[in-house]
Protein backbone atom coordinates (compact mmCIF):
# COMPACT_ATOMS: atom_id res chain seq x y z
CA MET A 1 -24.11 3.01 -18.47
CA GLU A 2 -22.76 -0.47 -19.15
CA TRP A 3 -21.65 -2.85 -16.38
CA ALA A 4 -20.24 -6.33 -17.03
CA ALA A 5 -20.04 -8.86 -14.17
CA LEU A 6 -17.48 -11.62 -14.70
CA GLY A 7 -16.35 -14.40 -12.38
CA ASP A 8 -16.71 -17.91 -11.01
CA SER A 9 -19.33 -19.62 -8.83
CA TYR A 10 -18.85 -17.10 -5.99
CA THR A 11 -20.18 -14.50 -8.45
CA ALA A 12 -22.66 -16.68 -10.37
CA GLY A 13 -24.58 -17.75 -7.25
CA VAL A 14 -24.92 -21.48 -8.14
CA PHE A 15 -27.60 -22.41 -5.56
CA VAL A 16 -28.76 -19.06 -4.16
CA GLY A 17 -32.17 -18.01 -5.47
CA ALA A 18 -33.69 -19.32 -8.70
CA PRO A 19 -31.68 -20.48 -11.73
CA ARG A 20 -31.06 -17.76 -14.30
CA PRO A 21 -31.91 -18.45 -17.10
CA GLU A 22 -34.78 -20.42 -15.61
CA LEU A 23 -34.96 -24.20 -15.71
CA GLY A 24 -36.11 -25.47 -19.09
CA SER A 25 -34.96 -22.39 -20.95
CA ALA A 26 -33.13 -22.94 -24.23
CA ASP A 27 -30.69 -20.23 -23.10
CA ARG A 28 -29.29 -22.27 -20.20
CA ASP A 29 -25.54 -22.68 -20.59
CA GLY A 30 -24.49 -24.71 -17.54
CA CYS A 31 -22.94 -21.74 -15.72
CA ASP A 32 -25.34 -21.80 -12.74
CA ARG A 33 -26.08 -18.08 -12.48
CA THR A 34 -28.92 -17.37 -10.07
CA THR A 35 -31.25 -14.55 -9.12
CA GLY A 36 -29.77 -14.37 -5.61
CA ALA A 37 -26.20 -13.73 -6.76
CA TYR A 38 -24.66 -10.40 -5.79
CA PRO A 39 -24.61 -8.90 -9.33
CA ASN A 40 -28.40 -9.20 -9.47
CA LEU A 41 -28.80 -7.75 -5.98
CA VAL A 42 -26.65 -4.78 -6.94
CA GLU A 43 -28.53 -4.34 -10.21
CA THR A 44 -31.81 -4.04 -8.28
CA LYS A 45 -30.36 -1.41 -5.97
CA LEU A 46 -28.90 0.60 -8.84
CA ALA A 47 -32.26 0.51 -10.64
CA ALA A 48 -34.02 1.85 -7.56
CA GLU A 49 -31.49 4.66 -7.15
CA PRO A 50 -29.50 5.17 -10.37
CA PRO A 51 -26.00 6.60 -9.89
CA ALA A 52 -25.89 10.17 -11.17
CA GLY A 53 -29.45 9.60 -12.34
CA ARG A 54 -28.30 7.33 -15.16
CA THR A 55 -29.59 3.81 -15.85
CA VAL A 56 -27.07 0.99 -15.46
CA ARG A 57 -27.40 -2.08 -17.67
CA LEU A 58 -25.92 -5.29 -16.27
CA THR A 59 -24.42 -7.98 -18.49
CA ASP A 60 -23.57 -11.05 -16.40
CA PHE A 61 -21.67 -13.97 -17.90
CA SER A 62 -20.08 -15.27 -14.72
CA CYS A 63 -19.82 -19.05 -14.71
CA GLY A 64 -19.41 -21.69 -12.05
CA ALA A 65 -15.98 -23.38 -12.06
CA ALA A 66 -14.43 -20.62 -14.21
CA THR A 67 -10.68 -20.20 -14.01
CA ILE A 68 -8.74 -16.99 -14.51
CA ALA A 69 -7.84 -18.02 -18.06
CA GLU A 70 -11.51 -18.60 -18.88
CA ILE A 71 -12.30 -15.00 -18.09
CA ALA A 72 -10.08 -13.68 -20.86
CA THR A 73 -8.47 -16.21 -23.18
CA ALA A 74 -9.77 -19.78 -22.86
CA ARG A 75 -13.04 -21.46 -23.67
CA GLN A 76 -14.80 -23.13 -20.75
CA THR A 77 -16.84 -26.32 -20.63
CA PRO A 78 -19.43 -25.72 -17.87
CA ILE A 79 -20.06 -28.50 -15.34
CA SER A 80 -23.48 -27.66 -13.90
CA PRO A 81 -25.14 -30.72 -12.32
CA VAL A 82 -28.57 -29.18 -12.86
CA GLN A 83 -30.39 -30.73 -15.84
CA PRO A 84 -27.30 -31.17 -18.04
CA PRO A 85 -27.79 -32.23 -21.68
CA ALA A 86 -27.27 -35.93 -22.39
CA ASP A 87 -23.98 -35.21 -24.14
CA GLY A 88 -22.83 -32.58 -21.63
CA TRP A 89 -22.74 -28.80 -21.77
CA PRO A 90 -21.17 -27.26 -24.87
CA SER A 91 -18.14 -25.05 -24.33
CA VAL A 92 -18.57 -21.29 -24.05
CA ALA A 93 -16.32 -18.45 -25.17
CA PRO A 94 -14.13 -16.47 -22.73
CA GLN A 95 -16.27 -14.21 -20.57
CA ILE A 96 -14.83 -10.95 -21.91
CA ASP A 97 -16.03 -12.03 -25.35
CA ARG A 98 -19.44 -13.23 -24.17
CA ALA A 99 -19.96 -9.95 -22.33
CA GLN A 100 -18.82 -8.02 -25.44
CA LEU A 101 -16.47 -5.74 -23.54
CA SER A 102 -15.60 -2.64 -25.56
CA ALA A 103 -14.58 0.97 -25.32
CA SER A 104 -18.17 1.76 -24.31
CA THR A 105 -18.08 -0.51 -21.23
CA ASP A 106 -18.17 1.71 -18.14
CA VAL A 107 -17.46 -0.74 -15.31
CA VAL A 108 -16.34 -4.37 -15.00
CA THR A 109 -16.49 -6.42 -11.81
CA ILE A 110 -14.43 -9.62 -11.59
CA GLY A 111 -14.50 -12.34 -8.94
CA VAL A 112 -12.21 -15.22 -9.86
CA GLY A 113 -9.08 -17.11 -8.79
CA GLY A 114 -10.04 -20.07 -6.59
CA ASN A 115 -10.51 -22.54 -9.42
CA SER A 116 -7.07 -21.77 -10.77
CA LEU A 117 -5.43 -23.24 -7.65
CA PRO A 118 -7.73 -25.37 -7.93
CA PHE A 119 -9.64 -25.10 -4.64
CA GLY A 120 -11.93 -28.07 -5.34
CA LYS A 121 -9.05 -30.50 -5.70
CA ILE A 122 -7.34 -29.13 -2.58
CA LEU A 123 -10.55 -29.52 -0.57
CA THR A 124 -11.08 -33.10 -1.73
CA SER A 125 -7.47 -34.08 -1.14
CA CYS A 126 -7.39 -32.60 2.35
CA LEU A 127 -10.63 -34.30 3.38
CA LEU A 128 -9.08 -37.62 2.31
CA LEU A 129 -5.72 -37.04 3.95
CA GLY A 130 -7.25 -35.75 7.19
CA THR A 131 -9.49 -38.73 7.87
CA GLY A 132 -8.30 -40.62 10.94
CA GLN A 133 -5.56 -38.08 11.68
CA GLU A 134 -4.99 -36.23 14.95
CA ASP A 135 -6.61 -32.81 15.28
CA ASP A 136 -3.40 -30.87 14.79
CA ALA A 137 -2.05 -33.02 11.95
CA THR A 138 -1.23 -31.24 8.69
CA PRO A 139 -0.61 -33.96 6.08
CA CYS A 140 -2.41 -31.98 3.38
CA ARG A 141 -0.50 -28.78 4.03
CA ASP A 142 2.77 -30.71 4.10
CA ALA A 143 1.99 -32.40 0.77
CA TYR A 144 1.09 -29.14 -0.96
CA GLU A 145 4.01 -27.23 0.47
CA ARG A 146 6.55 -29.73 -0.85
CA GLY A 147 4.75 -30.52 -4.13
CA ASP A 148 3.65 -34.14 -3.84
CA PHE A 149 4.36 -36.08 -7.03
CA ILE A 150 1.19 -38.19 -6.78
CA LEU A 151 -1.20 -35.71 -5.16
CA ASP A 152 -0.08 -32.58 -7.02
CA PRO A 153 3.47 -31.94 -8.24
CA GLU A 154 2.94 -28.17 -8.18
CA SER A 155 3.61 -26.80 -4.69
CA ILE A 156 1.24 -24.28 -3.12
CA ARG A 157 3.92 -21.57 -3.41
CA ASP A 158 4.29 -22.28 -7.13
CA LYS A 159 0.51 -22.18 -7.45
CA PHE A 160 0.38 -18.74 -5.85
CA GLN A 161 3.06 -17.39 -8.17
CA ARG A 162 1.30 -18.82 -11.23
CA VAL A 163 -2.09 -17.45 -10.16
CA PHE A 164 -0.55 -13.99 -9.70
CA ARG A 165 0.86 -14.07 -13.23
CA GLU A 166 -2.42 -15.32 -14.67
CA TYR A 167 -4.41 -12.64 -12.83
CA VAL A 168 -2.20 -9.82 -14.10
CA ALA A 169 -2.44 -11.17 -17.66
CA MET A 170 -6.23 -11.39 -17.33
CA LEU A 171 -6.49 -7.77 -16.14
CA GLU A 172 -4.33 -6.64 -19.06
CA ALA A 173 -6.67 -8.48 -21.44
CA VAL A 174 -9.69 -6.81 -19.86
CA HIS A 175 -8.04 -3.40 -20.23
CA GLU A 176 -7.30 -4.07 -23.88
CA LYS A 177 -10.96 -4.93 -24.54
CA ALA A 178 -12.44 -2.21 -22.33
CA PRO A 179 -9.82 0.57 -22.08
CA ASN A 180 -12.24 3.10 -20.59
CA ALA A 181 -13.81 0.83 -17.99
CA LYS A 182 -13.35 1.16 -14.25
CA VAL A 183 -12.46 -2.38 -13.18
CA ILE A 184 -13.38 -3.69 -9.73
CA THR A 185 -11.84 -6.94 -8.53
CA VAL A 186 -13.75 -8.81 -5.85
CA GLY A 187 -12.00 -10.95 -3.24
CA TYR A 188 -13.29 -14.05 -1.48
CA PRO A 189 -15.08 -14.05 1.89
CA THR A 190 -13.66 -15.51 5.09
CA ILE A 191 -14.46 -19.22 4.83
CA VAL A 192 -13.03 -20.63 8.08
CA PRO A 193 -12.64 -19.19 11.60
CA SER A 194 -9.37 -17.82 12.96
CA ASP A 195 -9.57 -20.53 15.63
CA ALA A 196 -9.91 -23.74 13.63
CA THR A 197 -10.52 -25.80 16.79
CA THR A 198 -14.05 -24.37 16.93
CA CYS A 199 -14.93 -26.39 13.81
CA ASP A 200 -16.67 -29.71 14.42
CA ARG A 201 -14.66 -32.30 12.49
CA GLN A 202 -17.66 -34.61 12.18
CA ASP A 203 -20.23 -32.06 10.99
CA THR A 204 -20.87 -32.25 7.24
CA THR A 205 -22.44 -28.78 7.31
CA GLU A 206 -18.95 -27.60 8.19
CA LEU A 207 -15.86 -29.33 6.75
CA ALA A 208 -16.58 -33.04 6.87
CA ALA A 209 -18.02 -35.20 4.10
CA ASP A 210 -19.82 -38.47 3.53
CA ILE A 211 -18.95 -40.39 0.39
CA LYS A 212 -21.50 -42.36 -1.58
CA ASP A 213 -21.30 -46.15 -1.06
CA ALA A 214 -18.72 -45.77 1.72
CA GLU A 215 -19.12 -45.90 5.49
CA THR A 216 -16.21 -43.66 6.47
CA ARG A 217 -16.86 -39.97 7.08
CA LEU A 218 -14.07 -37.85 5.64
CA SER A 219 -12.82 -35.26 8.07
CA ALA A 220 -10.53 -32.28 7.70
CA THR A 221 -8.11 -31.85 10.60
CA HIS A 222 -8.03 -28.60 12.53
CA GLY A 223 -4.47 -28.17 11.24
CA TYR A 224 -5.74 -28.35 7.68
CA ILE A 225 -8.62 -25.98 8.36
CA ALA A 226 -6.20 -23.38 9.75
CA TRP A 227 -4.01 -23.80 6.66
CA LEU A 228 -7.03 -23.41 4.38
CA GLY A 229 -7.62 -20.04 6.03
CA GLU A 230 -4.04 -19.08 5.21
CA VAL A 231 -4.52 -20.15 1.59
CA ASN A 232 -7.68 -18.02 1.36
CA THR A 233 -5.87 -15.02 2.84
CA GLU A 234 -2.96 -15.41 0.41
CA LEU A 235 -5.32 -15.71 -2.57
CA ASN A 236 -7.03 -12.46 -1.61
CA ALA A 237 -3.64 -10.77 -1.21
CA ILE A 238 -2.67 -11.95 -4.71
CA ILE A 239 -5.85 -10.45 -6.19
CA ASP A 240 -5.25 -7.19 -4.33
CA ASP A 241 -1.58 -7.00 -5.37
CA ALA A 242 -2.34 -7.84 -9.02
CA THR A 243 -5.03 -5.14 -9.07
CA ASP A 244 -2.48 -2.58 -7.87
CA LEU A 245 0.29 -3.77 -10.16
CA VAL A 246 -1.49 -3.15 -13.46
CA ASP A 247 -1.68 0.54 -12.49
CA TYR A 248 -4.90 1.44 -14.30
CA GLY A 249 -6.61 2.84 -11.22
CA TYR A 250 -8.51 -0.40 -10.66
CA THR A 251 -10.21 -1.09 -7.32
CA TYR A 252 -10.04 -4.17 -5.07
CA VAL A 253 -13.06 -5.01 -2.91
CA ASP A 254 -12.12 -6.75 0.34
CA VAL A 255 -14.94 -9.15 1.23
CA ALA A 256 -12.96 -11.12 3.82
CA ALA A 257 -12.74 -8.43 6.52
CA SER A 258 -16.50 -7.88 6.75
CA SER A 259 -17.24 -11.62 6.82
CA VAL A 260 -15.06 -12.55 9.81
CA GLY A 261 -17.24 -14.47 12.26
CA TYR A 262 -19.65 -15.62 9.54
CA ASP A 263 -17.60 -18.54 8.21
CA ALA A 264 -18.63 -22.10 7.34
CA CYS A 265 -18.09 -23.35 10.91
CA GLN A 266 -20.67 -21.00 12.43
CA PRO A 267 -24.26 -22.03 13.34
CA ARG A 268 -26.68 -22.20 10.42
CA ALA A 269 -28.41 -18.93 11.35
CA THR A 270 -25.08 -17.09 11.54
CA LYS A 271 -22.94 -18.38 8.69
CA TRP A 272 -22.58 -16.57 5.38
CA VAL A 273 -20.72 -19.49 3.81
CA GLU A 274 -22.28 -22.95 3.67
CA GLY A 275 -20.09 -25.94 4.48
CA VAL A 276 -19.51 -29.07 2.42
CA CYS A 277 -23.25 -29.70 2.82
CA GLY A 278 -25.82 -27.01 3.53
CA GLN A 279 -28.97 -25.16 2.57
CA ALA A 280 -29.68 -24.71 -1.15
CA GLY A 281 -32.53 -24.48 -3.62
CA PRO A 282 -34.51 -27.67 -4.29
CA TYR A 283 -33.07 -27.91 -7.80
CA TRP A 284 -29.55 -28.32 -6.41
CA PRO A 285 -28.25 -31.93 -5.94
CA THR A 286 -27.65 -33.79 -2.69
CA ASP A 287 -25.00 -35.99 -4.36
CA LEU A 288 -22.18 -34.44 -6.34
CA THR A 289 -18.95 -35.74 -7.83
CA LEU A 290 -16.02 -33.48 -7.06
CA GLY A 291 -12.28 -33.37 -7.47
CA GLN A 292 -10.07 -34.34 -10.36
CA ASP A 293 -8.24 -37.52 -11.20
CA PRO A 294 -6.60 -39.20 -9.38
CA VAL A 295 -8.73 -37.82 -6.51
CA ARG A 296 -12.39 -37.99 -7.55
CA LEU A 297 -15.23 -38.77 -5.12
CA THR A 298 -19.03 -38.61 -5.07
CA LEU A 299 -20.16 -36.55 -2.11
CA LYS A 300 -23.42 -37.47 -0.38
CA CYS A 301 -25.44 -35.04 1.73
CA SER A 302 -28.41 -35.95 3.94
CA ASP A 303 -30.94 -34.53 6.41
CA GLY A 304 -32.32 -32.09 3.85
CA ASN A 305 -28.89 -30.65 3.05
CA ARG A 306 -27.39 -30.32 -0.42
CA ALA A 307 -23.86 -30.29 -1.81
CA THR A 308 -22.92 -26.66 -1.22
CA LEU A 309 -19.13 -27.18 -1.22
CA VAL A 310 -18.11 -24.13 0.83
CA HIS A 311 -19.94 -21.42 -1.13
CA PRO A 312 -21.65 -18.22 0.03
CA ASN A 313 -25.34 -18.39 0.89
CA ALA A 314 -27.96 -15.65 0.50
CA ALA A 315 -26.59 -13.67 3.46
CA GLY A 316 -23.08 -13.94 2.04
CA HIS A 317 -24.18 -12.63 -1.36
CA ALA A 318 -26.07 -9.81 0.34
CA ASN A 319 -22.90 -8.76 2.17
CA THR A 320 -20.82 -8.86 -1.02
CA ALA A 321 -23.57 -6.91 -2.81
CA THR A 322 -23.34 -4.09 -0.27
CA LEU A 323 -19.59 -3.77 -0.82
CA VAL A 324 -19.73 -4.09 -4.60
CA GLU A 325 -22.62 -1.64 -4.89
CA ALA A 326 -20.58 1.01 -3.09
CA ALA A 327 -17.61 0.38 -5.40
CA VAL A 328 -19.75 0.47 -8.55
CA ARG A 329 -21.46 3.70 -7.48
CA LYS A 330 -18.10 5.34 -6.81
CA ALA A 331 -16.78 4.18 -10.17
CA LEU A 332 -19.80 5.51 -12.06
CA THR A 333 -20.01 8.88 -10.33
């Protein structure tokens, strides 16, 4: 049976486990897939206990920073900071083409959406706007709700509506390529606590950041952190609603519900999502440029931490793997 895993960095793994393909390989494409990512964990479990006694072959072309469009219609230029070529990573074809989806594809899992907002720019902007503000201030939310001409002229509501349209179009494209496949869409985990005041505004392993060659620590307000949770919830609802709308019997996997209490503001031993800085493989950088013009900054992590930028760690991928494995088994049996 044929399974294709598609998605962004929350699927690829980026810093969890060893790089795949391994460092130095001529097959590296800048997408930052890793051995600890949930598709690989599920593949191992399916190999140990094949569904219906049939072998499942995984094809994984998930790619860090992928947008919804880059799943189905657009080429992507990867941005991996790990050993990039001198002239940058070459562009890659849409993931449905790289994975060679066809009428013989049995199941497709897709985890994407955040980069189409884009989440990275929102995070950077809100860290900047929150610095020096009162705990309950919401300058970032206010700017995105009205559509700030300088920061981002597209309001958050317009972003949500666009992402919904793009997600539906992407699912239609997947169905056209793989008309017989059971498609499983994968939501995002809970990234911040329900009570944002429990986050330490000065802790870079949560939602604060140090910038290279600057002395000021950027700090998200509690008001912003609460709003970020709302944005995450709405994004998951969009993925769920789009999955239902296409009416092909596709399945949505809710990762958020099971990850409540394991967010980026929890202690290191508890969290399933690393903060702005956190634990990562030794190949992953401590300094990383993030954001988009006109808001572009070089993040600096210290004390043995690396630039994890609010991504799931090994425990987070293990949780997602449990949920996705159950969905894949049901689809294939």
